[in-house]
C-alpha atoms as a PDB file:
ATOM      1  CA  LYS A   1     112.093  66.877 122.325  1.00  0.00           C
ATOM      2  CA  ALA A   2     115.549  68.432 122.177  1.00  0.00           C
ATOM      3  CA  MET A   3     114.375  71.381 124.235  1.00  0.00           C
ATOM      4  CA  ALA A   4     112.763  69.010 126.735  1.00  0.00           C
ATOM      5  CA  ARG A   5     116.004  67.068 127.097  1.00  0.00           C
ATOM      6  CA  ARG A   6     117.909  70.309 127.542  1.00  0.00           C
ATOM      7  CA  LEU A   7     115.458  71.463 130.187  1.00  0.00           C
ATOM      8  CA  ALA A   8     115.691  68.095 131.943  1.00  0.00           C
ATOM      9  CA  THR A   9     119.438  68.549 132.343  1.00  0.00           C
ATOM     10  CA  LEU A  10     118.913  71.964 133.939  1.00  0.00           C
ATOM     11  CA  LEU A  11     116.314  70.924 136.501  1.00  0.00           C
ATOM     12  CA  PRO A  12     117.826  70.041 139.911  1.00  0.00           C
ATOM     13  CA  PHE A  13     115.661  66.939 140.352  1.00  0.00           C
ATOM     14  CA  PRO A  14     116.197  63.206 139.897  1.00  0.00           C
ATOM     15  CA  ALA A  15     115.437  61.796 136.462  1.00  0.00           C
ATOM     16  CA  PRO A  16     112.280  59.901 137.574  1.00  0.00           C
ATOM     17  CA  ASP A  17     110.799  63.110 139.022  1.00  0.00           C
ATOM     18  CA  VAL A  18     111.605  65.070 135.856  1.00  0.00           C
ATOM     19  CA  ASP A  19     110.004  62.355 133.726  1.00  0.00           C
ATOM     20  CA  ALA A  20     106.918  62.471 135.943  1.00  0.00           C
ATOM     21  CA  LEU A  21     106.756  66.260 135.541  1.00  0.00           C
ATOM     22  CA  PHE A  22     106.998  66.114 131.740  1.00  0.00           C
ATOM     23  CA  SER A  23     104.426  63.306 131.601  1.00  0.00           C
ATOM     24  CA  SER A  24     102.045  65.326 133.761  1.00  0.00           C
ATOM     25  CA  VAL A  25     102.431  68.445 131.621  1.00  0.00           C
ATOM     26  CA  HIS A  26     101.969  66.422 128.430  1.00  0.00           C
ATOM     27  CA  ALA A  27      98.818  64.768 129.757  1.00  0.00           C
ATOM     28  CA  THR A  28      97.486  68.117 130.958  1.00  0.00           C
ATOM     29  CA  VAL A  29      97.985  69.830 127.599  1.00  0.00           C
ATOM     30  CA  LYS A  30      96.457  66.844 125.827  1.00  0.00           C
ATOM     31  CA  GLY A  31      93.504  66.936 128.202  1.00  0.00           C
ATOM     32  CA  ALA A  32      93.003  70.671 127.606  1.00  0.00           C
ATOM     33  CA  ILE A  33      92.965  70.161 123.824  1.00  0.00           C
ATOM     34  CA  LEU A  34      90.633  67.173 123.983  1.00  0.00           C
ATOM     35  CA  GLY A  35      88.433  68.994 126.503  1.00  0.00           C
ATOM     36  CA  SER A  36      88.044  71.966 124.192  1.00  0.00           C
ATOM     37  CA  ALA A  37      87.291  69.715 121.208  1.00  0.00           C
ATOM     38  CA  ALA A  38      84.771  67.615 123.137  1.00  0.00           C
ATOM     39  CA  THR A  39      83.070  70.716 124.536  1.00  0.00           C
ATOM     40  CA  GLY A  40      82.792  72.244 121.080  1.00  0.00           C
ATOM     41  CA  ALA A  41      81.415  69.048 119.580  1.00  0.00           C
ATOM     42  CA  VAL A  42      78.759  68.569 122.262  1.00  0.00           C
ATOM     43  CA  GLN A  43      77.694  72.213 122.260  1.00  0.00           C
ATOM     44  CA  ALA A  44      77.544  72.287 118.465  1.00  0.00           C
ATOM     45  CA  ALA A  45      75.452  69.107 118.402  1.00  0.00           C
ATOM     46  CA  LEU A  46      73.035  70.527 120.981  1.00  0.00           C
ATOM     47  CA  CYS A  47      72.752  73.781 119.050  1.00  0.00           C
ATOM     48  CA  ILE A  48      72.021  71.952 115.820  1.00  0.00           C
ATOM     49  CA  LEU A  49      69.389  69.824 117.541  1.00  0.00           C
ATOM     50  CA  MET A  50      67.605  72.775 119.155  1.00  0.00           C
ATOM     51  CA  LEU A  51      67.755  74.936 116.031  1.00  0.00           C
ATOM     52  CA  PHE A  52      66.349  72.084 113.959  1.00  0.00           C
ATOM     53  CA  LEU A  53      63.536  71.299 116.413  1.00  0.00           C
ATOM     54  CA  LEU A  54      62.501  74.956 116.785  1.00  0.00           C
ATOM     55  CA  GLY A  55      62.510  75.613 113.060  1.00  0.00           C
ATOM     56  CA  VAL A  56      65.444  78.054 112.810  1.00  0.00           C
ATOM     57  CA  PRO A  57      66.798  78.168 109.229  1.00  0.00           C
ATOM     58  CA  GLY A  58      70.253  76.748 108.546  1.00  0.00           C
ATOM     59  CA  PRO A  59      70.768  74.727 111.727  1.00  0.00           C
ATOM     60  CA  PHE A  60      73.866  72.928 110.434  1.00  0.00           C
ATOM     61  CA  VAL A  61      75.527  76.144 109.321  1.00  0.00           C
ATOM     62  CA  TRP A  62      74.866  77.825 112.653  1.00  0.00           C
ATOM     63  CA  GLY A  63      75.881  74.665 114.486  1.00  0.00           C
ATOM     64  CA  THR A  64      79.252  74.708 112.717  1.00  0.00           C
ATOM     65  CA  PHE A  65      79.636  78.372 113.636  1.00  0.00           C
ATOM     66  CA  ALA A  66      78.817  77.478 117.254  1.00  0.00           C
ATOM     67  CA  PHE A  67      81.553  74.818 117.198  1.00  0.00           C
ATOM     68  CA  VAL A  68      84.119  77.429 116.170  1.00  0.00           C
ATOM     69  CA  LEU A  69      82.898  79.945 118.751  1.00  0.00           C
ATOM     70  CA  SER A  70      83.041  77.344 121.527  1.00  0.00           C
ATOM     71  CA  PHE A  71      86.852  77.616 121.460  1.00  0.00           C
ATOM     72  CA  ILE A  72      86.581  81.280 122.465  1.00  0.00           C
ATOM     73  CA  PRO A  73      85.808  81.255 126.201  1.00  0.00           C
ATOM     74  CA  MET A  74      84.635  84.872 126.275  1.00  0.00           C
ATOM     75  CA  PHE A  75      81.846  84.161 123.772  1.00  0.00           C
ATOM     76  CA  GLY A  76      81.193  80.461 123.382  1.00  0.00           C
ATOM     77  CA  THR A  77      77.942  79.524 121.709  1.00  0.00           C
ATOM     78  CA  ALA A  78      76.084  82.539 123.121  1.00  0.00           C
ATOM     79  CA  PRO A  79      76.047  84.539 119.851  1.00  0.00           C
ATOM     80  CA  VAL A  80      74.339  81.655 118.037  1.00  0.00           C
ATOM     81  CA  THR A  81      71.785  80.803 120.721  1.00  0.00           C
ATOM     82  CA  ALA A  82      71.057  84.441 121.491  1.00  0.00           C
ATOM     83  CA  GLY A  83      70.627  85.203 117.784  1.00  0.00           C
ATOM     84  CA  ALA A  84      68.276  82.252 117.394  1.00  0.00           C
ATOM     85  CA  THR A  85      66.262  83.403 120.416  1.00  0.00           C
ATOM     86  CA  ILE A  86      65.909  86.915 118.994  1.00  0.00           C
ATOM     87  CA  TYR A  87      64.930  85.484 115.610  1.00  0.00           C
ATOM     88  CA  LEU A  88      62.177  83.329 117.123  1.00  0.00           C
ATOM     89  CA  PHE A  89      60.744  86.251 119.099  1.00  0.00           C
ATOM     90  CA  ALA A  90      60.933  88.515 116.053  1.00  0.00           C
ATOM     91  CA  THR A  91      59.080  86.017 113.865  1.00  0.00           C
ATOM     92  CA  GLY A  92      56.206  85.638 116.333  1.00  0.00           C
ATOM     93  CA  HIS A  93      57.221  82.451 118.153  1.00  0.00           C
ATOM     94  CA  PRO A  94      57.591  83.566 121.786  1.00  0.00           C
ATOM     95  CA  VAL A  95      57.309  80.071 123.285  1.00  0.00           C
ATOM     96  CA  SER A  96      59.999  78.759 120.971  1.00  0.00           C
ATOM     97  CA  GLY A  97      62.071  81.823 121.791  1.00  0.00           C
ATOM     98  CA  ILE A  98      61.832  81.102 125.531  1.00  0.00           C
ATOM     99  CA  VAL A  99      62.729  77.458 124.946  1.00  0.00           C
ATOM    100  CA  MET A 100      65.712  78.493 122.839  1.00  0.00           C
ATOM    101  CA  GLY A 101      66.847  80.969 125.480  1.00  0.00           C
ATOM    102  CA  VAL A 102      66.730  78.344 128.229  1.00  0.00           C
ATOM    103  CA  ALA A 103      68.469  75.843 125.974  1.00  0.00           C
ATOM    104  CA  GLY A 104      71.143  78.410 125.191  1.00  0.00           C
ATOM    105  CA  VAL A 105      71.886  78.884 128.902  1.00  0.00           C
ATOM    106  CA  LEU A 106      72.105  75.126 129.452  1.00  0.00           C
ATOM    107  CA  ILE A 107      74.324  74.673 126.396  1.00  0.00           C
ATOM    108  CA  GLY A 108      76.662  77.367 127.669  1.00  0.00           C
ATOM    109  CA  LEU A 109      76.813  75.823 131.150  1.00  0.00           C
ATOM    110  CA  SER A 110      77.669  72.419 129.688  1.00  0.00           C
ATOM    111  CA  ASP A 111      81.178  73.796 129.180  1.00  0.00           C
ATOM    112  CA  ASN A 112      81.646  73.700 132.951  1.00  0.00           C
ATOM    113  CA  VAL A 113      80.891  69.970 133.020  1.00  0.00           C
ATOM    114  CA  ILE A 114      82.356  68.539 129.823  1.00  0.00           C
ATOM    115  CA  ARG A 115      85.684  70.367 129.772  1.00  0.00           C
ATOM    116  CA  PRO A 116      86.844  69.505 133.329  1.00  0.00           C
ATOM    117  CA  TRP A 117      85.558  65.935 133.025  1.00  0.00           C
ATOM    118  CA  VAL A 118      87.582  65.297 129.859  1.00  0.00           C
ATOM    119  CA  GLN A 119      90.534  67.186 131.332  1.00  0.00           C
ATOM    120  CA  GLY A 120      90.509  65.058 134.477  1.00  0.00           C
ATOM    121  CA  SER A 121      90.205  61.809 132.527  1.00  0.00           C
ATOM    122  CA  GLN A 122      93.551  62.492 130.839  1.00  0.00           C
ATOM    123  CA  ASP A 123      95.759  63.607 133.737  1.00  0.00           C
ATOM    124  CA  ASP A 124      93.993  62.183 136.827  1.00  0.00           C
ATOM    125  CA  MET A 125      93.115  65.703 137.938  1.00  0.00           C
ATOM    126  CA  HIS A 126      89.861  66.062 139.841  1.00  0.00           C
ATOM    127  CA  PRO A 127      87.201  67.679 137.609  1.00  0.00           C
ATOM    128  CA  LEU A 128      86.512  70.399 140.180  1.00  0.00           C
ATOM    129  CA  LEU A 129      90.208  71.239 140.378  1.00  0.00           C
ATOM    130  CA  ALA A 130      90.417  71.247 136.586  1.00  0.00           C
ATOM    131  CA  LEU A 131      87.448  73.635 136.433  1.00  0.00           C
ATOM    132  CA  LEU A 132      89.064  75.982 138.948  1.00  0.00           C
ATOM    133  CA  ALA A 133      92.322  75.775 136.999  1.00  0.00           C
ATOM    134  CA  VAL A 134      90.554  76.832 133.802  1.00  0.00           C
ATOM    135  CA  PHE A 135      88.719  79.714 135.493  1.00  0.00           C
ATOM    136  CA  GLY A 136      91.866  80.879 137.243  1.00  0.00           C
ATOM    137  CA  GLY A 137      93.861  80.623 134.037  1.00  0.00           C
ATOM    138  CA  LEU A 138      91.282  82.666 132.141  1.00  0.00           C
ATOM    139  CA  GLU A 139      91.328  85.309 134.859  1.00  0.00           C
ATOM    140  CA  VAL A 140      95.109  85.617 134.892  1.00  0.00           C
ATOM    141  CA  PHE A 141      96.235  84.713 131.353  1.00  0.00           C
ATOM    142  CA  GLY A 142      93.148  85.399 129.254  1.00  0.00           C
ATOM    143  CA  PHE A 143      92.369  83.002 126.397  1.00  0.00           C
ATOM    144  CA  ALA A 144      95.678  81.157 126.865  1.00  0.00           C
ATOM    145  CA  GLY A 145      94.611  80.381 130.420  1.00  0.00           C
ATOM    146  CA  VAL A 146      92.499  77.489 129.119  1.00  0.00           C
ATOM    147  CA  PHE A 147      95.821  75.682 128.606  1.00  0.00           C
ATOM    148  CA  VAL A 148      98.179  77.535 130.953  1.00  0.00           C
ATOM    149  CA  GLY A 149      95.953  77.292 134.045  1.00  0.00           C
ATOM    150  CA  PRO A 150      95.752  73.474 134.109  1.00  0.00           C
ATOM    151  CA  VAL A 151      99.487  73.223 133.376  1.00  0.00           C
ATOM    152  CA  VAL A 152     100.305  75.466 136.350  1.00  0.00           C
ATOM    153  CA  VAL A 153      98.059  73.379 138.608  1.00  0.00           C
ATOM    154  CA  ALA A 154      99.634  70.147 137.306  1.00  0.00           C
ATOM    155  CA  CYS A 155     103.118  71.502 138.099  1.00  0.00           C
ATOM    156  CA  ALA A 156     101.950  72.506 141.574  1.00  0.00           C
ATOM    157  CA  LEU A 157     100.540  69.030 142.226  1.00  0.00           C
ATOM    158  CA  TRP A 158     103.785  67.474 141.007  1.00  0.00           C
ATOM    159  CA  ALA A 159     105.806  69.723 143.315  1.00  0.00           C
ATOM    160  CA  LEU A 160     103.638  68.776 146.289  1.00  0.00           C
ATOM    161  CA  GLU A 161     104.022  65.097 145.458  1.00  0.00           C
ATOM    162  CA  VAL A 162     107.809  65.359 145.194  1.00  0.00           C
ATOM    163  CA  TYR A 163     107.974  67.338 148.431  1.00  0.00           C
ATOM    164  CA  GLY A 164     105.841  64.774 150.226  1.00  0.00           C
ATOM    165  CA  ARG A 165     108.023  61.903 149.013  1.00  0.00           C
ATOM    166  CA  SER A 166     111.178  63.725 150.047  1.00  0.00           C
ATOM    167  CA  ARG A 167     109.773  64.369 153.530  1.00  0.00           C
ATOM    168  CA  LEU A 168     108.862  60.711 153.921  1.00  0.00           C
ATOM    169  CA  ALA A 169     112.227  59.534 152.614  1.00  0.00           C
ATOM    170  CA  GLY A 170     114.106  61.970 154.842  1.00  0.00           C
ATOM    171  CA  ALA A 171     112.146  61.241 158.020  1.00  0.00           C
ATOM    172  CA  ALA A 172     114.417  60.586 161.007  1.00  0.00           C
ATOM    173  CA  PRO A 173     114.362  56.944 162.239  1.00  0.00           C
ATOM    174  CA  LEU A 174     113.426  56.088 165.793  1.00  0.00           C
ATOM    175  CA  ARG A 175     116.204  57.058 168.171  1.00  0.00           C
ATOM    176  CA  PRO A 176     117.708  54.369 170.408  1.00  0.00           C
ATOM    177  CA  ALA A 177     116.504  56.299 173.463  1.00  0.00           C
ATOM    178  CA  ALA A 178     112.953  55.432 172.468  1.00  0.00           C
ATOM    179  CA  TYR A 179     113.665  51.795 173.277  1.00  0.00           C
ATOM    180  CA  GLY A 180     115.713  52.330 176.449  1.00  0.00           C
ATOM    181  CA  ALA A 181     119.439  51.787 176.918  1.00  0.00           C
ATOM    182  CA  ALA A 182     119.059  48.225 178.167  1.00  0.00           C
ATOM    183  CA  SER A 183     116.928  47.244 175.165  1.00  0.00           C
ATOM    184  CA  VAL A 184     119.450  48.679 172.735  1.00  0.00           C
ATOM    185  CA  LEU A 185     122.317  46.843 174.373  1.00  0.00           C
ATOM    186  CA  THR A 186     120.466  43.543 174.417  1.00  0.00           C
ATOM    187  CA  MET A 187     119.475  44.046 170.769  1.00  0.00           C
ATOM    188  CA  THR A 188     123.172  44.190 169.744  1.00  0.00           C
ATOM    189  CA  PRO A 189     124.915  41.570 171.886  1.00  0.00           C
ATOM    190  CA  SER A 190     127.356  40.611 169.169  1.00  0.00           C
ATOM    191  CA  CYS A 191     128.904  44.085 168.998  1.00  0.00           C
ATOM    192  CA  PRO A 192     132.172  44.299 171.030  1.00  0.00           C
ATOM    193  CA  ALA A 193     131.610  47.937 171.843  1.00  0.00           C
ATOM    194  CA  ALA A 194     128.136  47.109 173.112  1.00  0.00           C
ATOM    195  CA  ARG A 195     129.510  44.376 175.337  1.00  0.00           C
ATOM    196  CA  VAL A 196     132.090  46.784 176.780  1.00  0.00           C
ATOM    197  CA  ARG A 197     129.418  49.391 177.427  1.00  0.00           C
ATOM    198  CA  SER A 198     127.238  46.737 179.002  1.00  0.00           C
ATOM    199  CA  ARG A 199     129.993  45.648 181.393  1.00  0.00           C
ATOM    200  CA  ASN A 200     130.791  49.264 182.257  1.00  0.00           C
ATOM    201  CA  ALA A 201     127.145  49.993 182.914  1.00  0.00           C
ATOM    202  CA  ALA A 202     126.832  46.890 185.125  1.00  0.00           C
ATOM    203  CA  ALA A 203     129.972  47.842 187.046  1.00  0.00           C
ATOM    204  CA  ALA A 204     128.721  51.386 187.515  1.00  0.00           C
ATOM    205  CA  ALA A 205     125.364  50.111 188.745  1.00  0.00           C
ATOM    206  CA  ALA A 206     127.084  47.733 191.196  1.00  0.00           C
ATOM    207  CA  ALA A 207     129.338  50.524 192.442  1.00  0.00           C
ATOM    208  CA  GLY A 208     126.304  52.735 192.946  1.00  0.00           C
ATOM    209  CA  ARG A 209     124.520  50.068 194.942  1.00  0.00           C
ATOM    210  CA  THR A 210     127.648  49.501 197.070  1.00  0.00           C
ATOM    211  CA  ARG A 211     127.979  53.237 197.698  1.00  0.00           C
ATOM    212  CA  ARG A 212     124.341  53.543 198.722  1.00  0.00           C
ATOM    213  CA  GLY A 213     124.734  50.539 201.053  1.00  0.00           C
ATOM    214  CA  THR A 214     127.815  52.060 202.683  1.00  0.00           C
ATOM    215  CA  ILE A 215     126.018  55.357 203.265  1.00  0.00           C
ATOM    216  CA  ALA A 216     123.063  53.506 204.766  1.00  0.00           C
ATOM    217  CA  LEU A 217     125.320  51.597 207.204  1.00  0.00           C
ATOM    218  CA  ALA A 218     127.165  54.772 208.195  1.00  0.00           C
ATOM    219  CA  SER A 219     123.880  56.458 208.977  1.00  0.00           C
ATOM    220  CA  ILE A 220     122.923  53.595 211.300  1.00  0.00           C
END
């Protein structure tokens, strides 16, 4: 908290914007942690269920191992499901091996649904954007990208929001010329300067009409 307060004093933004930034980052990190935990729990439960139904020994032990591996994006639950598939083929159960292989692929792909959905439910980030943030973070930062990627995207969204608000707040009002000089003068009749300008404009218009009339008579 002390470091956050120190950082808040260094950022050249209003206090409400800084608070919004810190809240967004906090929600994003929380969403990344909960997303990883939820993904691990669901994948572990599915592994335990499939291992139990297909008769693989020690389903709960391997399910717990799958839960731990689910936090490693490069591996996930693949070592457990692939090992179970090989075991079923090796013990003469090809149909069960095929079923386990298909189930392993589906269990691995569930990461792409559960993680961004939980992530988006915490920080109002669209699940597709959260998924792209995770993939981009993994590509750039490696394992830490699971957390860093969504944080970078959250900061970018905050910056766009602040920029949009500043553009709207700094938009130039309608210029008086848009209404016409006569409209502006009639809109401010109580202003002395406006009354003076109005009289001057009327006198100038009258002088112009007189001048044009004189020229017309001289031409006749």
